[in-house]
Protein backbone atom coordinates (compact mmCIF):
# COMPACT_ATOMS: atom_id res chain seq x y z
CA MET A 1 -50.46 52.55 100.53
CA VAL A 2 -54.15 53.36 100.72
CA LEU A 3 -54.96 56.95 101.47
CA SER A 4 -56.99 57.10 104.63
CA GLY A 5 -57.28 60.87 104.75
CA CYS A 6 -60.52 60.90 102.79
CA GLY A 7 -62.46 58.79 105.21
CA GLY A 8 -60.38 55.67 104.76
CA GLY A 9 -63.35 53.71 103.47
CA GLY A 10 -65.23 54.24 106.73
CA GLU A 11 -68.66 55.72 107.17
CA SER A 12 -69.01 59.29 105.99
CA GLY A 13 -72.37 60.92 106.24
CA SER A 14 -74.06 64.07 105.19
CA GLY A 15 -74.11 65.29 108.76
CA SER A 16 -77.92 65.43 108.66
CA GLY A 17 -78.80 61.79 109.29
CA ASP A 18 -80.00 61.31 105.70
CA ALA A 19 -79.08 58.34 103.51
CA LYS A 20 -75.33 57.82 103.61
CA ASP A 21 -74.84 57.12 99.90
CA GLU A 22 -76.74 60.03 98.40
CA PRO A 23 -75.40 63.56 98.00
CA SER A 24 -76.96 66.00 100.39
CA ALA A 25 -79.52 68.35 98.85
CA SER A 26 -79.13 70.96 101.57
CA PRO A 27 -76.28 73.45 101.09
CA ALA A 28 -76.04 73.90 104.86
CA ALA A 29 -75.36 70.17 105.32
CA SER A 30 -73.35 69.72 102.18
CA TYR A 31 -70.60 67.38 103.31
CA PHE A 32 -69.05 64.35 101.70
CA VAL A 33 -71.01 61.14 101.82
CA LYS A 34 -69.63 57.62 101.58
CA ALA A 35 -70.01 57.56 97.78
CA ASP A 36 -67.83 60.69 97.49
CA THR A 37 -65.15 59.13 99.69
CA ASP A 38 -65.31 55.87 97.77
CA ALA A 39 -64.93 57.64 94.40
CA ILE A 40 -61.88 59.58 95.54
CA ASN A 41 -60.31 56.56 97.20
CA ALA A 42 -60.84 54.35 94.14
CA ALA A 43 -59.08 56.88 91.91
CA SER A 44 -56.38 57.47 94.52
CA VAL A 45 -55.62 53.76 94.88
CA GLN A 46 -55.16 53.41 91.12
CA ALA A 47 -52.69 56.30 91.07
CA GLN A 48 -50.78 54.92 94.03
CA LYS A 49 -50.58 51.42 92.53
CA ALA A 50 -49.37 52.79 89.20
CA GLY A 51 -46.82 54.93 91.02
CA ALA A 52 -45.53 51.94 92.96
CA ARG A 53 -45.16 49.93 89.74
CA ALA A 54 -43.34 52.81 88.06
CA GLN A 55 -40.90 52.95 90.99
CA SER A 56 -40.36 49.20 91.25
CA ALA A 57 -36.66 48.32 91.02
CA LYS A 58 -37.53 45.13 89.12
CA ALA A 59 -39.61 47.03 86.52
CA LYS A 60 -36.93 49.69 86.04
CA ALA A 61 -34.26 47.02 85.63
CA ALA A 62 -36.41 45.31 83.00
CA CYS A 63 -36.72 48.59 81.09
CA ASN A 64 -32.98 49.15 81.19
CA LYS A 65 -32.45 45.60 79.94
CA ALA A 66 -35.01 46.21 77.17
CA GLY A 67 -32.50 48.71 75.80
CA ASP A 68 -30.44 45.71 74.66
CA ARG A 69 -33.16 45.17 72.04
CA GLY A 70 -32.98 48.76 70.84
CA TYR A 71 -34.41 52.19 71.50
CA GLU A 72 -38.03 51.32 70.67
CA ALA A 73 -38.10 48.39 73.11
CA TRP A 74 -36.51 50.58 75.79
CA ARG A 75 -38.93 53.45 75.13
CA THR A 76 -41.98 51.14 75.08
CA CYS A 77 -41.00 49.64 78.41
CA TRP A 78 -40.71 53.05 80.10
CA HIS A 79 -44.03 54.09 78.61
CA LYS A 80 -45.63 50.97 80.12
CA LEU A 81 -44.51 52.28 83.51
CA LEU A 82 -45.30 55.96 83.02
CA ASN A 83 -48.51 55.90 80.97
CA PRO A 84 -50.60 54.25 83.71
CA ILE A 85 -49.46 56.66 86.42
CA GLU A 86 -50.06 59.69 84.21
CA LYS A 87 -53.55 58.43 83.32
CA ALA A 88 -54.39 57.56 86.93
CA LEU A 89 -53.27 60.99 88.15
CA ARG A 90 -55.40 62.67 85.48
CA ASP A 91 -58.35 60.44 86.39
CA LEU A 92 -57.93 61.45 90.05
CA ALA A 93 -57.80 65.13 89.06
CA THR A 94 -60.96 64.62 86.98
CA GLN A 95 -62.75 62.99 89.92
CA LEU A 96 -61.83 65.93 92.14
CA ARG A 97 -62.98 68.40 89.47
CA THR A 98 -66.29 66.57 89.18
CA LEU A 99 -66.85 66.77 92.92
CA SER A 100 -65.92 70.47 92.95
CA GLY A 101 -68.92 71.12 90.70
CA ARG A 102 -71.31 69.88 93.37
CA ASP A 103 -73.07 71.95 96.00
CA PHE A 104 -70.40 71.85 98.71
CA SER A 105 -69.25 74.76 100.86
CA GLU A 106 -66.90 77.33 99.33
CA ASP A 107 -64.05 75.96 101.48
CA CYS A 108 -64.69 72.43 100.28
CA VAL A 109 -64.87 73.48 96.62
CA ALA A 110 -61.64 75.47 97.02
CA ALA A 111 -59.90 72.48 98.61
CA LEU A 112 -61.17 70.16 95.86
CA ARG A 113 -59.96 72.54 93.15
CA ALA A 114 -56.55 72.89 94.80
CA ALA A 115 -56.25 69.10 95.05
CA GLN A 116 -57.35 68.77 91.42
CA GLU A 117 -54.64 71.21 90.37
CA ALA A 118 -52.02 69.35 92.43
CA PHE A 119 -52.80 66.01 90.79
CA ALA A 120 -53.03 67.55 87.31
CA THR A 121 -49.59 69.08 87.95
CA PHE A 122 -48.25 65.68 89.06
CA ALA A 123 -49.61 64.19 85.82
CA ALA A 124 -47.89 66.92 83.80
CA VAL A 125 -44.61 66.16 85.58
CA VAL A 126 -44.96 62.48 84.62
CA ASP A 127 -45.70 63.58 81.06
CA GLY A 128 -42.42 65.52 81.19
CA LEU A 129 -40.58 62.31 82.07
CA ARG A 130 -42.20 60.61 79.09
CA SER A 131 -41.16 63.48 76.84
CA GLY A 132 -37.57 63.12 78.03
CA ILE A 133 -37.63 59.41 77.27
CA ASP A 134 -39.13 60.13 73.85
CA SER A 135 -36.40 62.62 73.02
CA LYS A 136 -34.17 61.76 70.10
CA ARG A 137 -31.26 63.24 72.07
CA ARG A 138 -29.45 60.65 74.14
CA ALA A 139 -28.35 63.31 76.66
CA THR A 140 -32.00 64.20 77.35
CA GLN A 141 -32.89 60.54 77.81
CA VAL A 142 -30.01 60.07 80.28
CA ARG A 143 -30.91 63.26 82.17
CA THR A 144 -34.53 62.07 82.41
CA LEU A 145 -33.51 58.74 83.91
CA ARG A 146 -31.26 60.55 86.40
CA ILE A 147 -34.27 62.46 87.76
CA TYR A 148 -36.82 59.65 87.33
CA ASP A 149 -36.62 58.25 90.88
CA ALA A 150 -36.44 61.65 92.56
CA THR A 151 -39.35 62.97 90.51
CA LEU A 152 -41.65 60.03 91.22
CA GLY A 153 -40.48 60.04 94.84
CA GLU A 154 -41.52 63.68 95.21
CA ILE A 155 -44.93 62.89 93.75
CA SER A 156 -45.31 60.02 96.22
CA LYS A 157 -44.27 62.23 99.14
CA GLY A 158 -46.67 64.96 98.08
CA PHE A 159 -49.58 62.63 97.47
CA ALA A 160 -51.35 62.95 100.83
CA GLU A 161 -51.00 66.70 101.27
CA PRO A 162 -53.73 67.77 98.80
CA PHE A 163 -56.21 65.56 100.63
CA GLN A 164 -55.59 67.09 104.05
CA ALA A 165 -57.43 70.32 103.21
CA VAL A 166 -60.18 68.33 101.46
CA VAL A 167 -60.75 66.26 104.58
CA GLN A 168 -60.92 69.32 106.82
CA ALA A 169 -63.26 71.25 104.51
CA CYS A 170 -65.50 68.54 103.07
CA TYR A 171 -66.41 66.33 106.03
CA SER A 172 -68.94 67.08 108.73
CA PRO A 173 -67.64 67.73 112.24
CA GLU A 174 -68.99 64.33 113.25
CA ASP A 175 -67.14 62.60 110.42
CA LEU A 176 -63.94 64.49 111.23
CA ALA A 177 -64.16 63.20 114.81
CA LYS A 178 -64.58 59.63 113.49
CA ILE A 179 -61.64 60.08 111.11
CA LYS A 180 -59.48 61.44 113.90
CA ALA A 181 -60.44 58.52 116.15
CA ARG A 182 -59.57 56.02 113.38
CA SER A 183 -56.25 57.69 112.67
CA SER A 184 -55.14 57.45 116.29
CA PRO A 185 -52.15 55.13 116.74
CA SER A 186 -52.93 51.85 115.07
CA PRO A 187 -50.67 48.85 114.58
CA SER A 188 -51.71 48.58 110.93
CA ASP A 189 -50.60 52.12 109.92
């Protein structure tokens, strides 16, 4: 699933008619440009792909089977699923934090910071799953696997929400109209 809420890879401008790929220098016209959208979408796609791999029935079955070779093989397999999603979520949070340091409106900066916090929290939740798998207590490992699917499922369900406020606050009115037009019923969605 590619997040289309942040411009969906379409044209996003500064709202002033200036070059589309350069940040706007004017605080009054300080909206996302295509490069901002592309940076967020690139980080978002990595997190979504890692999340899909971590939730793959085939990958989870392989990790459970790895347990036949011992705890270390089992643990390593789960880390191969969880490490990439945790890193990708942190990278996404970092990208949002970087953008929040730019000269955007207060509403945009607030939305970026809230989204950053959401994705950093998701990463910490994934880290909690890793800690449960790393536990020397078998009961903790079992409890972690019982909540694994639900936990990653909640992250997946909550993935788009942080971007909704970013879209509303960080795009020009013209870009919002284009986004709304693109998100109208489409057979590919």
